[in-house]
PDB file of N, CA and C in Angstrom:
ATOM      1  N   UNK A   1       0.616  -0.980  -0.148  1.00  0.00           N
ATOM      2  CA  UNK A   1       0.227  -0.178  -0.133  1.00  0.00           C
ATOM      3  C   UNK A   1       0.861   1.089  -0.077  1.00  0.00           C
ATOM      4  N   UNK A   2       0.507   2.608  -0.753  1.00  0.00           N
ATOM      5  CA  UNK A   2       1.396   3.486  -0.918  1.00  0.00           C
ATOM      6  C   UNK A   2       0.871   4.496   0.085  1.00  0.00           C
ATOM      7  N   UNK A   3       1.720   5.318   0.494  1.00  0.00           N
ATOM      8  CA  UNK A   3       1.490   6.418   1.141  1.00  0.00           C
ATOM      9  C   UNK A   3       0.194   7.400   0.625  1.00  0.00           C
ATOM     10  N   UNK A   4      -0.564   7.660   1.613  1.00  0.00           N
ATOM     11  CA  UNK A   4      -1.370   8.720   1.214  1.00  0.00           C
ATOM     12  C   UNK A   4      -0.923  10.222   1.061  1.00  0.00           C
ATOM     13  N   UNK A   5      -1.739  11.181   0.518  1.00  0.00           N
ATOM     14  CA  UNK A   5      -1.098  12.322   0.392  1.00  0.00           C
ATOM     15  C   UNK A   5      -0.850  13.272   1.963  1.00  0.00           C
ATOM     16  N   UNK A   6      -1.751  13.112   2.701  1.00  0.00           N
ATOM     17  CA  UNK A   6      -1.321  13.640   3.883  1.00  0.00           C
ATOM     18  C   UNK A   6       0.120  13.011   4.466  1.00  0.00           C
ATOM     19  N   UNK A   7       0.267  12.108   4.313  1.00  0.00           N
ATOM     20  CA  UNK A   7       1.311  11.257   5.070  1.00  0.00           C
ATOM     21  C   UNK A   7       2.630  11.943   4.033  1.00  0.00           C
ATOM     22  N   UNK A   8       2.596  11.629   3.221  1.00  0.00           N
ATOM     23  CA  UNK A   8       3.583  12.370   1.913  1.00  0.00           C
ATOM     24  C   UNK A   8       4.076  13.583   2.087  1.00  0.00           C
ATOM     25  N   UNK A   9       2.762  14.543   2.273  1.00  0.00           N
ATOM     26  CA  UNK A   9       3.180  16.023   2.673  1.00  0.00           C
ATOM     27  C   UNK A   9       3.794  16.057   3.813  1.00  0.00           C
ATOM     28  N   UNK A  10       3.613  15.510   4.722  1.00  0.00           N
ATOM     29  CA  UNK A  10       4.440  15.325   6.189  1.00  0.00           C
ATOM     30  C   UNK A  10       5.570  15.125   5.794  1.00  0.00           C
ATOM     31  N   UNK A  11       5.932  13.964   5.295  1.00  0.00           N
ATOM     32  CA  UNK A  11       7.418  13.706   5.023  1.00  0.00           C
ATOM     33  C   UNK A  11       8.269  14.780   4.297  1.00  0.00           C
ATOM     34  N   UNK A  12       7.504  15.166   3.333  1.00  0.00           N
ATOM     35  CA  UNK A  12       7.886  16.463   2.444  1.00  0.00           C
ATOM     36  C   UNK A  12       8.115  17.538   3.499  1.00  0.00           C
ATOM     37  N   UNK A  13       7.494  17.776   4.235  1.00  0.00           N
ATOM     38  CA  UNK A  13       7.755  18.949   5.058  1.00  0.00           C
ATOM     39  C   UNK A  13       8.682  18.882   6.203  1.00  0.00           C
ATOM     40  N   UNK A  14       9.020  17.547   6.595  1.00  0.00           N
ATOM     41  CA  UNK A  14      10.108  17.054   7.635  1.00  0.00           C
ATOM     42  C   UNK A  14      11.472  17.103   6.954  1.00  0.00           C
ATOM     43  N   UNK A  15      11.241  16.884   5.577  1.00  0.00           N
ATOM     44  CA  UNK A  15      12.635  16.898   4.618  1.00  0.00           C
ATOM     45  C   UNK A  15      13.200  18.406   4.584  1.00  0.00           C
ATOM     46  N   UNK A  16      12.600  19.137   4.809  1.00  0.00           N
ATOM     47  CA  UNK A  16      13.409  20.250   4.725  1.00  0.00           C
ATOM     48  C   UNK A  16      14.163  20.657   5.962  1.00  0.00           C
ATOM     49  N   UNK A  17      15.588  20.673   5.457  1.00  0.00           N
ATOM     50  CA  UNK A  17      16.636  20.504   6.561  1.00  0.00           C
ATOM     51  C   UNK A  17      17.461  21.959   6.513  1.00  0.00           C
ATOM     52  N   UNK A  18      18.178  22.116   7.529  1.00  0.00           N
ATOM     53  CA  UNK A  18      19.204  23.165   7.539  1.00  0.00           C
ATOM     54  C   UNK A  18      20.382  23.033   6.740  1.00  0.00           C
ATOM     55  N   UNK A  19      20.739  21.780   6.298  1.00  0.00           N
ATOM     56  CA  UNK A  19      21.600  21.837   5.180  1.00  0.00           C
ATOM     57  C   UNK A  19      21.280  21.688   3.749  1.00  0.00           C
ATOM     58  N   UNK A  20      21.729  22.285   2.951  1.00  0.00           N
ATOM     59  CA  UNK A  20      21.225  22.615   1.435  1.00  0.00           C
ATOM     60  C   UNK A  20      21.553  21.106   0.847  1.00  0.00           C
ATOM     61  N   UNK A  21      22.661  20.572   1.172  1.00  0.00           N
ATOM     62  CA  UNK A  21      23.079  19.445   0.543  1.00  0.00           C
ATOM     63  C   UNK A  21      21.818  18.207   0.808  1.00  0.00           C
ATOM     64  N   UNK A  22      21.500  18.071   2.017  1.00  0.00           N
ATOM     65  CA  UNK A  22      20.518  16.871   2.450  1.00  0.00           C
ATOM     66  C   UNK A  22      19.189  17.576   1.533  1.00  0.00           C
ATOM     67  N   UNK A  23      18.680  18.819   1.636  1.00  0.00           N
ATOM     68  CA  UNK A  23      17.530  19.329   0.704  1.00  0.00           C
ATOM     69  C   UNK A  23      17.490  18.958  -0.689  1.00  0.00           C
ATOM     70  N   UNK A  24      18.797  18.732  -1.326  1.00  0.00           N
ATOM     71  CA  UNK A  24      18.827  18.619  -2.515  1.00  0.00           C
ATOM     72  C   UNK A  24      18.613  17.224  -2.827  1.00  0.00           C
ATOM     73  N   UNK A  25      19.126  16.303  -1.784  1.00  0.00           N
ATOM     74  CA  UNK A  25      19.216  14.717  -2.115  1.00  0.00           C
ATOM     75  C   UNK A  25      17.833  14.581  -1.892  1.00  0.00           C
ATOM     76  N   UNK A  26      17.311  14.699  -0.732  1.00  0.00           N
ATOM     77  CA  UNK A  26      15.555  14.403  -0.514  1.00  0.00           C
ATOM     78  C   UNK A  26      14.658  14.732  -1.534  1.00  0.00           C
ATOM     79  N   UNK A  27      14.949  15.956  -2.126  1.00  0.00           N
ATOM     80  CA  UNK A  27      14.124  16.385  -2.985  1.00  0.00           C
ATOM     81  C   UNK A  27      14.561  15.635  -4.212  1.00  0.00           C
ATOM     82  N   UNK A  28      15.604  15.298  -4.660  1.00  0.00           N
ATOM     83  CA  UNK A  28      15.630  13.993  -5.706  1.00  0.00           C
ATOM     84  C   UNK A  28      14.562  12.909  -5.369  1.00  0.00           C
ATOM     85  N   UNK A  29      15.242  12.354  -4.404  1.00  0.00           N
ATOM     86  CA  UNK A  29      14.424  11.204  -3.738  1.00  0.00           C
ATOM     87  C   UNK A  29      12.757  11.219  -3.928  1.00  0.00           C
ATOM     88  N   UNK A  30      12.276  12.376  -3.613  1.00  0.00           N
ATOM     89  CA  UNK A  30      10.746  12.624  -3.753  1.00  0.00           C
ATOM     90  C   UNK A  30      10.435  12.915  -5.000  1.00  0.00           C
ATOM     91  N   UNK A  31      11.215  13.448  -5.965  1.00  0.00           N
ATOM     92  CA  UNK A  31      10.814  13.502  -7.438  1.00  0.00           C
ATOM     93  C   UNK A  31      10.793  11.880  -7.983  1.00  0.00           C
ATOM     94  N   UNK A  32      11.738  11.054  -7.595  1.00  0.00           N
ATOM     95  CA  UNK A  32      11.646   9.973  -8.272  1.00  0.00           C
ATOM     96  C   UNK A  32      11.030   8.823  -7.729  1.00  0.00           C
ATOM     97  N   UNK A  33      10.642   8.933  -6.202  1.00  0.00           N
ATOM     98  CA  UNK A  33      10.146   7.797  -5.608  1.00  0.00           C
ATOM     99  C   UNK A  33       8.740   8.178  -4.859  1.00  0.00           C
ATOM    100  N   UNK A  34       8.482   9.585  -4.554  1.00  0.00           N
ATOM    101  CA  UNK A  34       7.308   9.851  -3.627  1.00  0.00           C
ATOM    102  C   UNK A  34       6.141   9.055  -4.038  1.00  0.00           C
ATOM    103  N   UNK A  35       5.581   9.230  -5.292  1.00  0.00           N
ATOM    104  CA  UNK A  35       4.463   8.781  -5.409  1.00  0.00           C
ATOM    105  C   UNK A  35       4.235   7.229  -5.301  1.00  0.00           C
ATOM    106  N   UNK A  36       5.261   6.457  -4.947  1.00  0.00           N
ATOM    107  CA  UNK A  36       5.337   5.034  -4.809  1.00  0.00           C
ATOM    108  C   UNK A  36       5.723   4.553  -3.609  1.00  0.00           C
ATOM    109  N   UNK A  37       6.091   5.510  -2.846  1.00  0.00           N
ATOM    110  CA  UNK A  37       6.596   5.055  -1.562  1.00  0.00           C
ATOM    111  C   UNK A  37       5.359   4.097  -0.650  1.00  0.00           C
ATOM    112  N   UNK A  38       5.860   3.195  -0.058  1.00  0.00           N
ATOM    113  CA  UNK A  38       5.314   2.414   0.649  1.00  0.00           C
ATOM    114  C   UNK A  38       4.750   2.814   2.007  1.00  0.00           C
ATOM    115  N   UNK A  39       3.826   2.151   2.580  1.00  0.00           N
ATOM    116  CA  UNK A  39       3.629   2.879   4.034  1.00  0.00           C
ATOM    117  C   UNK A  39       4.784   2.642   4.996  1.00  0.00           C
ATOM    118  N   UNK A  40       5.562   1.254   4.511  1.00  0.00           N
ATOM    119  CA  UNK A  40       6.732   0.998   5.710  1.00  0.00           C
ATOM    120  C   UNK A  40       7.781   1.772   5.035  1.00  0.00           C
ATOM    121  N   UNK A  41       8.150   2.224   4.064  1.00  0.00           N
ATOM    122  CA  UNK A  41       8.979   3.114   3.342  1.00  0.00           C
ATOM    123  C   UNK A  41       8.885   4.340   4.041  1.00  0.00           C
ATOM    124  N   UNK A  42       7.473   4.775   4.174  1.00  0.00           N
ATOM    125  CA  UNK A  42       7.422   6.049   4.937  1.00  0.00           C
ATOM    126  C   UNK A  42       7.752   5.965   6.368  1.00  0.00           C
ATOM    127  N   UNK A  43       7.764   5.083   6.844  1.00  0.00           N
ATOM    128  CA  UNK A  43       8.018   4.907   8.279  1.00  0.00           C
ATOM    129  C   UNK A  43       9.430   5.036   8.456  1.00  0.00           C
ATOM    130  N   UNK A  44      10.327   4.308   7.796  1.00  0.00           N
ATOM    131  CA  UNK A  44      11.545   4.272   7.629  1.00  0.00           C
ATOM    132  C   UNK A  44      11.911   5.716   7.404  1.00  0.00           C
ATOM    133  N   UNK A  45      11.716   6.287   6.468  1.00  0.00           N
ATOM    134  CA  UNK A  45      11.819   7.761   6.165  1.00  0.00           C
ATOM    135  C   UNK A  45      11.719   8.705   6.988  1.00  0.00           C
ATOM    136  N   UNK A  46      10.662   8.425   7.818  1.00  0.00           N
ATOM    137  CA  UNK A  46      10.371   9.433   8.811  1.00  0.00           C
ATOM    138  C   UNK A  46      11.463   9.237  10.169  1.00  0.00           C
ATOM    139  N   UNK A  47      11.856   7.851  10.230  1.00  0.00           N
ATOM    140  CA  UNK A  47      12.900   7.758  11.444  1.00  0.00           C
ATOM    141  C   UNK A  47      14.110   8.521  10.736  1.00  0.00           C
ATOM    142  N   UNK A  48      14.444   8.349   9.924  1.00  0.00           N
ATOM    143  CA  UNK A  48      15.921   8.734   8.999  1.00  0.00           C
ATOM    144  C   UNK A  48      15.868  10.431   9.080  1.00  0.00           C
ATOM    145  N   UNK A  49      14.648  11.070   9.082  1.00  0.00           N
ATOM    146  CA  UNK A  49      14.315  12.555   8.888  1.00  0.00           C
ATOM    147  C   UNK A  49      14.405  13.210  10.304  1.00  0.00           C
ATOM    148  N   UNK A  50      14.132  12.098  11.252  1.00  0.00           N
ATOM    149  CA  UNK A  50      14.210  12.464  12.796  1.00  0.00           C
ATOM    150  C   UNK A  50      15.886  12.723  13.208  1.00  0.00           C
ATOM    151  N   UNK A  51      16.748  12.117  12.674  1.00  0.00           N
ATOM    152  CA  UNK A  51      18.137  12.465  12.881  1.00  0.00           C
ATOM    153  C   UNK A  51      18.736  13.467  12.602  1.00  0.00           C
ATOM    154  N   UNK A  52      19.509  13.951  13.312  1.00  0.00           N
ATOM    155  CA  UNK A  52      20.281  15.397  13.265  1.00  0.00           C
ATOM    156  C   UNK A  52      20.915  15.649  11.732  1.00  0.00           C
ATOM    157  N   UNK A  53      21.202  16.633  11.417  1.00  0.00           N
ATOM    158  CA  UNK A  53      21.497  17.175  10.004  1.00  0.00           C
ATOM    159  C   UNK A  53      22.626  16.261   9.454  1.00  0.00           C
ATOM    160  N   UNK A  54      23.526  16.379  10.362  1.00  0.00           N
ATOM    161  CA  UNK A  54      24.972  15.713  10.007  1.00  0.00           C
ATOM    162  C   UNK A  54      24.878  14.216  10.090  1.00  0.00           C
ATOM    163  N   UNK A  55      24.243  13.936  11.018  1.00  0.00           N
ATOM    164  CA  UNK A  55      23.764  12.019  10.946  1.00  0.00           C
ATOM    165  C   UNK A  55      23.130  11.906   9.668  1.00  0.00           C
ATOM    166  N   UNK A  56      22.392  12.546   9.241  1.00  0.00           N
ATOM    167  CA  UNK A  56      21.496  12.210   7.965  1.00  0.00           C
ATOM    168  C   UNK A  56      22.544  12.536   7.055  1.00  0.00           C
ATOM    169  N   UNK A  57      23.042  13.721   6.874  1.00  0.00           N
ATOM    170  CA  UNK A  57      24.192  13.680   5.703  1.00  0.00           C
ATOM    171  C   UNK A  57      25.157  12.619   5.566  1.00  0.00           C
ATOM    172  N   UNK A  58      25.811  12.073   6.724  1.00  0.00           N
ATOM    173  CA  UNK A  58      26.733  10.918   6.415  1.00  0.00           C
ATOM    174  C   UNK A  58      25.957   9.669   6.053  1.00  0.00           C
ATOM    175  N   UNK A  59      24.791   9.324   6.206  1.00  0.00           N
ATOM    176  CA  UNK A  59      24.076   8.355   5.668  1.00  0.00           C
ATOM    177  C   UNK A  59      23.682   8.410   4.355  1.00  0.00           C
ATOM    178  N   UNK A  60      23.367   9.874   3.896  1.00  0.00           N
ATOM    179  CA  UNK A  60      22.738   9.965   2.540  1.00  0.00           C
ATOM    180  C   UNK A  60      24.097  10.024   1.460  1.00  0.00           C
ATOM    181  N   UNK A  61      25.407  10.525   2.115  1.00  0.00           N
ATOM    182  CA  UNK A  61      26.080  10.575   0.842  1.00  0.00           C
ATOM    183  C   UNK A  61      27.367   8.977   1.106  1.00  0.00           C
ATOM    184  N   UNK A  62      26.779   8.414   2.340  1.00  0.00           N
ATOM    185  CA  UNK A  62      27.559   7.081   2.455  1.00  0.00           C
ATOM    186  C   UNK A  62      28.748   7.071   3.054  1.00  0.00           C
ATOM    187  N   UNK A  63      28.942   8.191   3.830  1.00  0.00           N
ATOM    188  CA  UNK A  63      30.187   8.352   4.542  1.00  0.00           C
ATOM    189  C   UNK A  63      30.186   7.400   5.764  1.00  0.00           C
ATOM    190  N   UNK A  64      29.002   6.970   6.137  1.00  0.00           N
ATOM    191  CA  UNK A  64      28.402   6.210   7.311  1.00  0.00           C
ATOM    192  C   UNK A  64      27.468   5.095   6.938  1.00  0.00           C
ATOM    193  N   UNK A  65      27.728   3.837   7.307  1.00  0.00           N
ATOM    194  CA  UNK A  65      26.503   3.032   6.932  1.00  0.00           C
ATOM    195  C   UNK A  65      25.673   2.805   8.248  1.00  0.00           C
ATOM    196  N   UNK A  66      25.950   3.683   9.383  1.00  0.00           N
ATOM    197  CA  UNK A  66      25.048   3.460  10.383  1.00  0.00           C
ATOM    198  C   UNK A  66      25.537   4.549  11.366  1.00  0.00           C
ATOM    199  N   UNK A  67      24.380   5.116  12.459  1.00  0.00           N
ATOM    200  CA  UNK A  67      24.744   6.161  13.242  1.00  0.00           C
ATOM    201  C   UNK A  67      23.942   5.536  14.624  1.00  0.00           C
ATOM    202  N   UNK A  68      24.595   5.885  15.693  1.00  0.00           N
ATOM    203  CA  UNK A  68      24.302   5.042  17.040  1.00  0.00           C
ATOM    204  C   UNK A  68      22.712   5.531  17.308  1.00  0.00           C
ATOM    205  N   UNK A  69      22.022   6.431  17.042  1.00  0.00           N
ATOM    206  CA  UNK A  69      20.643   6.617  17.054  1.00  0.00           C
ATOM    207  C   UNK A  69      19.779   5.561  16.162  1.00  0.00           C
ATOM    208  N   UNK A  70      20.352   5.035  15.101  1.00  0.00           N
ATOM    209  CA  UNK A  70      19.463   3.603  14.466  1.00  0.00           C
ATOM    210  C   UNK A  70      20.441   2.693  14.096  1.00  0.00           C
ATOM    211  N   UNK A  71      21.043   2.342  15.005  1.00  0.00           N
ATOM    212  CA  UNK A  71      22.310   1.350  14.612  1.00  0.00           C
ATOM    213  C   UNK A  71      21.807   0.053  14.443  1.00  0.00           C
ATOM    214  N   UNK A  72      20.517  -0.337  15.254  1.00  0.00           N
ATOM    215  CA  UNK A  72      20.160  -1.866  14.800  1.00  0.00           C
ATOM    216  C   UNK A  72      19.189  -1.855  13.673  1.00  0.00           C
ATOM    217  N   UNK A  73      18.224  -0.377  13.767  1.00  0.00           N
ATOM    218  CA  UNK A  73      17.414  -0.620  12.614  1.00  0.00           C
ATOM    219  C   UNK A  73      18.252  -0.602  11.233  1.00  0.00           C
ATOM    220  N   UNK A  74      19.242   0.157  11.078  1.00  0.00           N
ATOM    221  CA  UNK A  74      20.063   0.259   9.880  1.00  0.00           C
ATOM    222  C   UNK A  74      20.284  -0.994   9.198  1.00  0.00           C
ATOM    223  N   UNK A  75      20.127  -2.099   9.819  1.00  0.00           N
ATOM    224  CA  UNK A  75      20.419  -3.584   9.726  1.00  0.00           C
ATOM    225  C   UNK A  75      19.555  -4.092   8.835  1.00  0.00           C
ATOM    226  N   UNK A  76      18.360  -3.762   8.937  1.00  0.00           N
ATOM    227  CA  UNK A  76      16.996  -4.472   8.451  1.00  0.00           C
ATOM    228  C   UNK A  76      17.106  -4.011   6.919  1.00  0.00           C
ATOM    229  N   UNK A  77      16.371  -4.941   6.270  1.00  0.00           N
ATOM    230  CA  UNK A  77      16.338  -4.589   4.772  1.00  0.00           C
ATOM    231  C   UNK A  77      15.584  -3.504   4.334  1.00  0.00           C
ATOM    232  N   UNK A  78      14.574  -3.015   5.299  1.00  0.00           N
ATOM    233  CA  UNK A  78      13.403  -1.813   4.939  1.00  0.00           C
ATOM    234  C   UNK A  78      14.524  -0.584   5.008  1.00  0.00           C
ATOM    235  N   UNK A  79      15.149  -0.699   5.942  1.00  0.00           N
ATOM    236  CA  UNK A  79      16.408   0.679   6.075  1.00  0.00           C
ATOM    237  C   UNK A  79      17.302   0.874   4.759  1.00  0.00           C
ATOM    238  N   UNK A  80      17.787  -0.310   4.463  1.00  0.00           N
ATOM    239  CA  UNK A  80      18.838  -0.487   3.547  1.00  0.00           C
ATOM    240  C   UNK A  80      18.559  -0.199   2.002  1.00  0.00           C
ATOM    241  N   UNK A  81      16.872  -0.733   1.874  1.00  0.00           N
ATOM    242  CA  UNK A  81      16.215  -0.131   0.553  1.00  0.00           C
ATOM    243  C   UNK A  81      16.053   1.115   0.463  1.00  0.00           C
ATOM    244  N   UNK A  82      15.457   1.961   1.546  1.00  0.00           N
ATOM    245  CA  UNK A  82      15.365   3.104   1.391  1.00  0.00           C
ATOM    246  C   UNK A  82      16.717   4.038   1.216  1.00  0.00           C
ATOM    247  N   UNK A  83      17.662   3.385   2.040  1.00  0.00           N
ATOM    248  CA  UNK A  83      19.103   4.336   1.944  1.00  0.00           C
ATOM    249  C   UNK A  83      19.428   4.253   0.364  1.00  0.00           C
ATOM    250  N   UNK A  84      19.178   2.987  -0.138  1.00  0.00           N
ATOM    251  CA  UNK A  84      19.894   2.875  -1.367  1.00  0.00           C
ATOM    252  C   UNK A  84      19.234   3.698  -2.268  1.00  0.00           C
ATOM    253  N   UNK A  85      17.830   4.030  -2.357  1.00  0.00           N
ATOM    254  CA  UNK A  85      17.037   4.565  -2.971  1.00  0.00           C
ATOM    255  C   UNK A  85      17.585   6.290  -2.822  1.00  0.00           C
ATOM    256  N   UNK A  86      18.011   6.575  -1.611  1.00  0.00           N
ATOM    257  CA  UNK A  86      18.229   7.994  -1.159  1.00  0.00           C
ATOM    258  C   UNK A  86      19.457   8.336  -1.884  1.00  0.00           C
ATOM    259  N   UNK A  87      20.277   7.368  -2.032  1.00  0.00           N
ATOM    260  CA  UNK A  87      21.884   7.569  -2.204  1.00  0.00           C
ATOM    261  C   UNK A  87      21.848   7.345  -3.828  1.00  0.00           C
ATOM    262  N   UNK A  88      20.838   7.136  -4.711  1.00  0.00           N
ATOM    263  CA  UNK A  88      20.883   6.993  -6.170  1.00  0.00           C
ATOM    264  C   UNK A  88      21.169   8.202  -6.607  1.00  0.00           C
ATOM    265  N   UNK A  89      21.994   8.411  -7.559  1.00  0.00           N
ATOM    266  CA  UNK A  89      22.540   9.536  -8.390  1.00  0.00           C
ATOM    267  C   UNK A  89      21.725   9.927  -9.791  1.00  0.00           C
TER     268      UNK A  89
END
């Protein structure tokens, strides 16, 4: 099941970040995958967007594959899938 418009709007609002680089990556992600995001992917993305800007940036550009706040979660396939989509160029 895909996300509804309200949930997608909330995620897009949460995606407005303090770092321009994060904004650009997240904007590209929503343009490519926003309409097809599943409810589970939306939950994963919501947890990623709750991270501090620098931690999120490290994950988005692949500088790190894990952060302390989501260390266990980032080992799950659902997180790996969303991160892979976020890292697409």
